[in-house]
């Protein structure tokens, strides 16, 4: 979880003008980038979705 928040702060955060913009960007980060495109060393450098599909 700490790694996720570090990535969110360094790769995605910016000066949002509105709360809605911040919420939309965080949701986009979680649902599209972090789970589907960003490989994780813990998962053998697979994305979380790829690792989960192999486990189930």
PDB file of N, CA and C in Angstrom:
ATOM      1  N   UNK A   1       0.815  -1.183   0.000  1.00  0.00           N
ATOM      2  CA  UNK A   1       0.000   0.000   0.000  1.00  0.00           C
ATOM      3  C   UNK A   1       0.868   1.260   0.000  1.00  0.00           C
ATOM      4  N   UNK A   2       1.958   1.227   0.763  1.00  0.00           N
ATOM      5  CA  UNK A   2       2.842   2.393   0.778  1.00  0.00           C
ATOM      6  C   UNK A   2       3.437   2.650  -0.597  1.00  0.00           C
ATOM      7  N   UNK A   3       3.776   1.571  -1.277  1.00  0.00           N
ATOM      8  CA  UNK A   3       4.335   1.721  -2.625  1.00  0.00           C
ATOM      9  C   UNK A   3       3.316   2.344  -3.571  1.00  0.00           C
ATOM     10  N   UNK A   4       2.055   1.926  -3.436  1.00  0.00           N
ATOM     11  CA  UNK A   4       1.004   2.494  -4.274  1.00  0.00           C
ATOM     12  C   UNK A   4       0.906   4.003  -4.063  1.00  0.00           C
ATOM     13  N   UNK A   5       0.868   4.437  -2.799  1.00  0.00           N
ATOM     14  CA  UNK A   5       0.732   5.862  -2.535  1.00  0.00           C
ATOM     15  C   UNK A   5       1.959   6.644  -2.986  1.00  0.00           C
ATOM     16  N   UNK A   6       3.142   6.037  -2.883  1.00  0.00           N
ATOM     17  CA  UNK A   6       4.329   6.707  -3.413  1.00  0.00           C
ATOM     18  C   UNK A   6       4.203   6.902  -4.920  1.00  0.00           C
ATOM     19  N   UNK A   7       3.765   5.854  -5.615  1.00  0.00           N
ATOM     20  CA  UNK A   7       3.578   5.965  -7.062  1.00  0.00           C
ATOM     21  C   UNK A   7       2.513   7.003  -7.396  1.00  0.00           C
ATOM     22  N   UNK A   8       1.441   6.997  -6.643  1.00  0.00           N
ATOM     23  CA  UNK A   8       0.370   7.961  -6.883  1.00  0.00           C
ATOM     24  C   UNK A   8       0.888   9.385  -6.722  1.00  0.00           C
ATOM     25  N   UNK A   9       1.663   9.623  -5.683  1.00  0.00           N
ATOM     26  CA  UNK A   9       2.174  10.973  -5.445  1.00  0.00           C
ATOM     27  C   UNK A   9       3.181  11.394  -6.500  1.00  0.00           C
ATOM     28  N   UNK A  10       4.089  10.500  -6.875  1.00  0.00           N
ATOM     29  CA  UNK A  10       5.169  10.897  -7.780  1.00  0.00           C
ATOM     30  C   UNK A  10       4.784  10.827  -9.247  1.00  0.00           C
ATOM     31  N   UNK A  11       3.926   9.891  -9.624  1.00  0.00           N
ATOM     32  CA  UNK A  11       3.605   9.707 -11.034  1.00  0.00           C
ATOM     33  C   UNK A  11       2.292  10.364 -11.445  1.00  0.00           C
ATOM     34  N   UNK A  12       1.373  10.537 -10.520  1.00  0.00           N
ATOM     35  CA  UNK A  12       0.037  11.000 -10.890  1.00  0.00           C
ATOM     36  C   UNK A  12      -0.374  12.315 -10.268  1.00  0.00           C
ATOM     37  N   UNK A  13       0.212  12.685  -9.149  1.00  0.00           N
ATOM     38  CA  UNK A  13      -0.293  13.877  -8.471  1.00  0.00           C
ATOM     39  C   UNK A  13       0.096  15.133  -9.235  1.00  0.00           C
ATOM     40  N   UNK A  14      -0.753  16.085  -9.157  1.00  0.00           N
ATOM     41  CA  UNK A  14      -0.534  17.395  -9.755  1.00  0.00           C
ATOM     42  C   UNK A  14      -1.410  18.379  -9.001  1.00  0.00           C
ATOM     43  N   UNK A  15      -1.326  19.604  -9.328  1.00  0.00           N
ATOM     44  CA  UNK A  15      -2.131  20.617  -8.640  1.00  0.00           C
ATOM     45  C   UNK A  15      -3.548  20.592  -9.215  1.00  0.00           C
ATOM     46  N   UNK A  16      -4.392  19.826  -8.585  1.00  0.00           N
ATOM     47  CA  UNK A  16      -5.771  19.752  -9.035  1.00  0.00           C
ATOM     48  C   UNK A  16      -6.530  20.980  -8.574  1.00  0.00           C
ATOM     49  N   UNK A  17      -7.384  21.491  -9.425  1.00  0.00           N
ATOM     50  CA  UNK A  17      -8.177  22.657  -9.064  1.00  0.00           C
ATOM     51  C   UNK A  17      -9.472  22.261  -8.366  1.00  0.00           C
ATOM     52  N   UNK A  18      -9.974  21.086  -8.689  1.00  0.00           N
ATOM     53  CA  UNK A  18     -11.261  20.657  -8.159  1.00  0.00           C
ATOM     54  C   UNK A  18     -11.155  19.249  -7.596  1.00  0.00           C
ATOM     55  N   UNK A  19     -11.932  18.968  -6.578  1.00  0.00           N
ATOM     56  CA  UNK A  19     -11.936  17.638  -5.980  1.00  0.00           C
ATOM     57  C   UNK A  19     -12.357  16.598  -7.007  1.00  0.00           C
ATOM     58  N   UNK A  20     -13.294  16.933  -7.859  1.00  0.00           N
ATOM     59  CA  UNK A  20     -13.742  15.997  -8.889  1.00  0.00           C
ATOM     60  C   UNK A  20     -12.616  15.574  -9.819  1.00  0.00           C
ATOM     61  N   UNK A  21     -11.723  16.501 -10.146  1.00  0.00           N
ATOM     62  CA  UNK A  21     -10.575  16.170 -10.995  1.00  0.00           C
ATOM     63  C   UNK A  21      -9.649  15.189 -10.282  1.00  0.00           C
ATOM     64  N   UNK A  22      -9.408  15.443  -9.011  1.00  0.00           N
ATOM     65  CA  UNK A  22      -8.538  14.564  -8.233  1.00  0.00           C
ATOM     66  C   UNK A  22      -9.139  13.168  -8.138  1.00  0.00           C
ATOM     67  N   UNK A  23     -10.428  13.079  -7.839  1.00  0.00           N
ATOM     68  CA  UNK A  23     -11.091  11.776  -7.729  1.00  0.00           C
ATOM     69  C   UNK A  23     -11.055  11.025  -9.057  1.00  0.00           C
ATOM     70  N   UNK A  24     -11.290  11.725 -10.150  1.00  0.00           N
ATOM     71  CA  UNK A  24     -11.278  11.082 -11.465  1.00  0.00           C
ATOM     72  C   UNK A  24      -9.882  10.565 -11.803  1.00  0.00           C
ATOM     73  N   UNK A  25      -8.843  11.351 -11.498  1.00  0.00           N
ATOM     74  CA  UNK A  25      -7.475  10.925 -11.796  1.00  0.00           C
ATOM     75  C   UNK A  25      -7.053   9.734 -10.938  1.00  0.00           C
ATOM     76  N   UNK A  26      -7.433   9.730  -9.662  1.00  0.00           N
ATOM     77  CA  UNK A  26      -7.092   8.600  -8.792  1.00  0.00           C
ATOM     78  C   UNK A  26      -7.803   7.343  -9.274  1.00  0.00           C
ATOM     79  N   UNK A  27      -9.059   7.463  -9.638  1.00  0.00           N
ATOM     80  CA  UNK A  27      -9.802   6.313 -10.161  1.00  0.00           C
ATOM     81  C   UNK A  27      -9.167   5.798 -11.451  1.00  0.00           C
ATOM     82  N   UNK A  28      -8.789   6.696 -12.323  1.00  0.00           N
ATOM     83  CA  UNK A  28      -8.126   6.301 -13.568  1.00  0.00           C
ATOM     84  C   UNK A  28      -6.806   5.598 -13.272  1.00  0.00           C
ATOM     85  N   UNK A  29      -6.054   6.146 -12.345  1.00  0.00           N
ATOM     86  CA  UNK A  29      -4.770   5.541 -11.954  1.00  0.00           C
ATOM     87  C   UNK A  29      -4.983   4.115 -11.465  1.00  0.00           C
ATOM     88  N   UNK A  30      -5.974   3.922 -10.598  1.00  0.00           N
ATOM     89  CA  UNK A  30      -6.234   2.595 -10.034  1.00  0.00           C
ATOM     90  C   UNK A  30      -6.760   1.611 -11.058  1.00  0.00           C
ATOM     91  N   UNK A  31      -7.793   1.997 -11.763  1.00  0.00           N
ATOM     92  CA  UNK A  31      -8.489   1.035 -12.607  1.00  0.00           C
ATOM     93  C   UNK A  31      -7.803   0.748 -13.924  1.00  0.00           C
ATOM     94  N   UNK A  32      -7.127   1.721 -14.487  1.00  0.00           N
ATOM     95  CA  UNK A  32      -6.551   1.505 -15.814  1.00  0.00           C
ATOM     96  C   UNK A  32      -5.042   1.301 -15.787  1.00  0.00           C
ATOM     97  N   UNK A  33      -4.348   2.163 -15.093  1.00  0.00           N
ATOM     98  CA  UNK A  33      -2.894   2.084 -15.148  1.00  0.00           C
ATOM     99  C   UNK A  33      -2.318   1.089 -14.142  1.00  0.00           C
ATOM    100  N   UNK A  34      -2.599   1.294 -12.874  1.00  0.00           N
ATOM    101  CA  UNK A  34      -1.930   0.516 -11.831  1.00  0.00           C
ATOM    102  C   UNK A  34      -2.251  -0.970 -11.919  1.00  0.00           C
ATOM    103  N   UNK A  35      -3.484  -1.324 -12.182  1.00  0.00           N
ATOM    104  CA  UNK A  35      -3.876  -2.734 -12.217  1.00  0.00           C
ATOM    105  C   UNK A  35      -3.665  -3.409 -13.563  1.00  0.00           C
ATOM    106  N   UNK A  36      -3.642  -2.650 -14.645  1.00  0.00           N
ATOM    107  CA  UNK A  36      -3.589  -3.261 -15.973  1.00  0.00           C
ATOM    108  C   UNK A  36      -2.286  -3.039 -16.731  1.00  0.00           C
ATOM    109  N   UNK A  37      -1.541  -2.005 -16.394  1.00  0.00           N
ATOM    110  CA  UNK A  37      -0.359  -1.676 -17.201  1.00  0.00           C
ATOM    111  C   UNK A  37       0.947  -1.664 -16.426  1.00  0.00           C
ATOM    112  N   UNK A  38       0.904  -1.454 -15.123  1.00  0.00           N
ATOM    113  CA  UNK A  38       2.134  -1.291 -14.350  1.00  0.00           C
ATOM    114  C   UNK A  38       2.579  -2.631 -13.776  1.00  0.00           C
ATOM    115  N   UNK A  39       3.723  -3.149 -14.227  1.00  0.00           N
ATOM    116  CA  UNK A  39       4.209  -4.427 -13.695  1.00  0.00           C
ATOM    117  C   UNK A  39       4.724  -4.268 -12.268  1.00  0.00           C
ATOM    118  N   UNK A  40       4.638  -5.345 -11.506  1.00  0.00           N
ATOM    119  CA  UNK A  40       5.074  -5.340 -10.114  1.00  0.00           C
ATOM    120  C   UNK A  40       6.093  -6.453  -9.906  1.00  0.00           C
ATOM    121  N   UNK A  41       7.181  -6.141  -9.247  1.00  0.00           N
ATOM    122  CA  UNK A  41       8.221  -7.144  -9.017  1.00  0.00           C
ATOM    123  C   UNK A  41       7.692  -8.291  -8.165  1.00  0.00           C
ATOM    124  N   UNK A  42       6.791  -8.015  -7.229  1.00  0.00           N
ATOM    125  CA  UNK A  42       6.216  -9.056  -6.377  1.00  0.00           C
ATOM    126  C   UNK A  42       5.487 -10.112  -7.206  1.00  0.00           C
ATOM    127  N   UNK A  43       4.898  -9.705  -8.306  1.00  0.00           N
ATOM    128  CA  UNK A  43       4.134 -10.612  -9.176  1.00  0.00           C
ATOM    129  C   UNK A  43       4.979 -11.176 -10.302  1.00  0.00           C
ATOM    130  N   UNK A  44       6.283 -11.172 -10.154  1.00  0.00           N
ATOM    131  CA  UNK A  44       7.136 -11.649 -11.243  1.00  0.00           C
ATOM    132  C   UNK A  44       7.093 -10.711 -12.435  1.00  0.00           C
ATOM    133  N   UNK A  45       6.960  -9.424 -12.170  1.00  0.00           N
ATOM    134  CA  UNK A  45       6.902  -8.377 -13.188  1.00  0.00           C
ATOM    135  C   UNK A  45       5.696  -8.534 -14.110  1.00  0.00           C
ATOM    136  N   UNK A  46       4.612  -9.013 -13.540  1.00  0.00           N
ATOM    137  CA  UNK A  46       3.320  -9.049 -14.227  1.00  0.00           C
ATOM    138  C   UNK A  46       2.438  -7.977 -13.596  1.00  0.00           C
ATOM    139  N   UNK A  47       1.439  -7.535 -14.332  1.00  0.00           N
ATOM    140  CA  UNK A  47       0.484  -6.591 -13.752  1.00  0.00           C
ATOM    141  C   UNK A  47      -0.391  -7.331 -12.753  1.00  0.00           C
ATOM    142  N   UNK A  48      -1.032  -6.629 -11.822  1.00  0.00           N
ATOM    143  CA  UNK A  48      -1.920  -7.304 -10.871  1.00  0.00           C
ATOM    144  C   UNK A  48      -3.020  -8.113 -11.570  1.00  0.00           C
ATOM    145  N   UNK A  49      -3.578  -7.597 -12.641  1.00  0.00           N
ATOM    146  CA  UNK A  49      -4.639  -8.327 -13.344  1.00  0.00           C
ATOM    147  C   UNK A  49      -4.100  -9.577 -14.018  1.00  0.00           C
ATOM    148  N   UNK A  50      -2.914  -9.510 -14.598  1.00  0.00           N
ATOM    149  CA  UNK A  50      -2.319 -10.696 -15.219  1.00  0.00           C
ATOM    150  C   UNK A  50      -2.004 -11.749 -14.170  1.00  0.00           C
ATOM    151  N   UNK A  51      -1.456 -11.324 -13.044  1.00  0.00           N
ATOM    152  CA  UNK A  51      -1.123 -12.275 -11.963  1.00  0.00           C
ATOM    153  C   UNK A  51      -2.387 -12.924 -11.420  1.00  0.00           C
ATOM    154  N   UNK A  52      -3.443 -12.163 -11.266  1.00  0.00           N
ATOM    155  CA  UNK A  52      -4.682 -12.725 -10.743  1.00  0.00           C
ATOM    156  C   UNK A  52      -5.327 -13.687 -11.732  1.00  0.00           C
ATOM    157  N   UNK A  53      -5.255 -13.385 -13.009  1.00  0.00           N
ATOM    158  CA  UNK A  53      -5.864 -14.281 -14.005  1.00  0.00           C
ATOM    159  C   UNK A  53      -5.110 -15.623 -14.071  1.00  0.00           C
ATOM    160  N   UNK A  54      -3.811 -15.606 -13.787  1.00  0.00           N
ATOM    161  CA  UNK A  54      -3.053 -16.852 -13.770  1.00  0.00           C
ATOM    162  C   UNK A  54      -3.332 -17.670 -12.522  1.00  0.00           C
ATOM    163  N   UNK A  55      -3.666 -16.999 -11.417  1.00  0.00           N
ATOM    164  CA  UNK A  55      -3.926 -17.682 -10.143  1.00  0.00           C
ATOM    165  C   UNK A  55      -5.302 -18.331 -10.098  1.00  0.00           C
ATOM    166  N   UNK A  56      -6.248 -17.780 -10.846  1.00  0.00           N
ATOM    167  CA  UNK A  56      -7.617 -18.259 -10.733  1.00  0.00           C
ATOM    168  C   UNK A  56      -7.948 -19.176 -11.806  1.00  0.00           C
TER     169      UNK A  56
END
